[in-house]
Amino acid sequence: MSIGYNYDNMSKISTLAQKFATRIRFERVKRNYSQEKLAELAGIGRATLTQIEAKKSAPTLDIVEKLANALEYEPYELLIFKNLEI
């Protein structure tokens, strides 16, 4: 499964992808989930989640939807970054 665009050869991923990564980590830690547990709940690989949280890869929309479902959010809600330190 593709994890999204890999930015290893570029300086950084988009600001939106960076904010999303921070939001996912925030939500995961808030629930006291390990990366392995969240990845399992979302039906994605732990390595995929690690790459996203490390801001090394931007997630596909499919991955955004899977993470949102695992965290019991609508996908658009994970793109609201109000009061979140990025």
Protein backbone atom coordinates (compact mmCIF):
# COMPACT_ATOMS: atom_id res chain seq x y z
CA MET A 1 0.00 0.00 0.00
CA SER A 2 1.26 3.44 -0.87
CA ILE A 3 1.78 5.75 2.08
CA GLY A 4 1.71 8.87 -0.02
CA TYR A 5 4.38 11.02 -1.57
CA ASN A 6 7.82 10.50 -0.06
CA TYR A 7 9.75 13.72 0.29
CA ASP A 8 13.20 12.26 1.01
CA ASN A 9 14.64 14.07 -2.00
CA MET A 10 12.96 17.35 -1.18
CA SER A 11 13.57 19.82 1.61
CA LYS A 12 10.29 19.21 3.43
CA ILE A 13 6.69 18.13 3.10
CA SER A 14 3.93 20.70 2.77
CA THR A 15 2.88 22.79 5.73
CA LEU A 16 -0.53 21.11 5.64
CA ALA A 17 1.07 17.65 5.85
CA GLN A 18 3.28 18.82 8.72
CA LYS A 19 0.28 20.14 10.63
CA PHE A 20 -1.63 16.92 9.95
CA ALA A 21 1.31 14.90 11.29
CA THR A 22 1.35 16.96 14.47
CA ARG A 23 -2.41 16.55 14.87
CA ILE A 24 -2.23 12.77 14.44
CA ARG A 25 0.54 12.46 17.03
CA PHE A 26 -1.40 14.72 19.41
CA GLU A 27 -4.54 12.61 19.08
CA ARG A 28 -2.59 9.36 19.43
CA VAL A 29 -0.76 10.47 22.58
CA LYS A 30 -3.97 11.93 24.06
CA ARG A 31 -5.50 8.45 23.83
CA ASN A 32 -2.33 6.80 25.17
CA TYR A 33 -2.04 4.73 21.97
CA SER A 34 1.25 3.43 20.69
CA GLN A 35 1.99 3.89 17.01
CA GLU A 36 1.46 0.18 16.61
CA LYS A 37 -2.01 0.33 18.20
CA LEU A 38 -3.21 3.28 16.13
CA ALA A 39 -1.83 1.74 12.95
CA GLU A 40 -3.64 -1.51 13.74
CA LEU A 41 -6.92 0.30 14.44
CA ALA A 42 -6.56 2.23 11.18
CA GLY A 43 -5.58 -0.80 9.16
CA ILE A 44 -2.27 0.70 8.03
CA GLY A 45 1.32 -0.31 8.63
CA ARG A 46 3.18 1.01 11.65
CA ALA A 47 5.97 2.13 9.31
CA THR A 48 3.43 4.21 7.40
CA LEU A 49 2.30 5.95 10.57
CA THR A 50 5.91 6.48 11.65
CA GLN A 51 6.74 8.16 8.32
CA ILE A 52 3.70 10.43 8.59
CA GLU A 53 4.35 11.42 12.22
CA ALA A 54 8.03 12.00 11.47
CA LYS A 55 6.93 14.39 8.71
CA LYS A 56 8.79 12.37 6.11
CA SER A 57 5.73 11.40 4.07
CA ALA A 58 2.43 13.05 3.27
CA PRO A 59 -0.57 10.73 3.71
CA THR A 60 -2.93 9.85 0.90
CA LEU A 61 -6.61 10.73 1.32
CA ASP A 62 -7.26 7.03 1.91
CA ILE A 63 -4.85 7.08 4.86
CA VAL A 64 -6.40 10.30 6.21
CA GLU A 65 -9.80 8.61 6.14
CA LYS A 66 -8.52 5.45 7.86
CA LEU A 67 -6.82 7.45 10.62
CA ALA A 68 -9.92 9.59 11.10
CA ASN A 69 -12.10 6.49 11.45
CA ALA A 70 -9.69 4.93 13.93
CA LEU A 71 -9.74 8.12 16.00
CA GLU A 72 -13.53 8.46 15.66
CA TYR A 73 -13.42 11.70 13.69
CA GLU A 74 -14.66 12.79 10.30
CA PRO A 75 -11.60 13.28 8.06
CA TYR A 76 -12.09 17.06 7.80
CA GLU A 77 -11.96 17.36 11.60
CA LEU A 78 -8.33 16.23 11.58
CA LEU A 79 -7.54 19.22 9.38
CA ILE A 80 -8.64 21.73 12.00
CA PHE A 81 -5.50 22.90 13.75
CA LYS A 82 -6.91 25.55 16.09
CA ASN A 83 -5.13 25.61 19.47
CA LEU A 84 -2.61 23.02 18.32
CA GLU A 85 1.06 23.87 18.59
CA ILE A 86 2.71 22.97 15.32
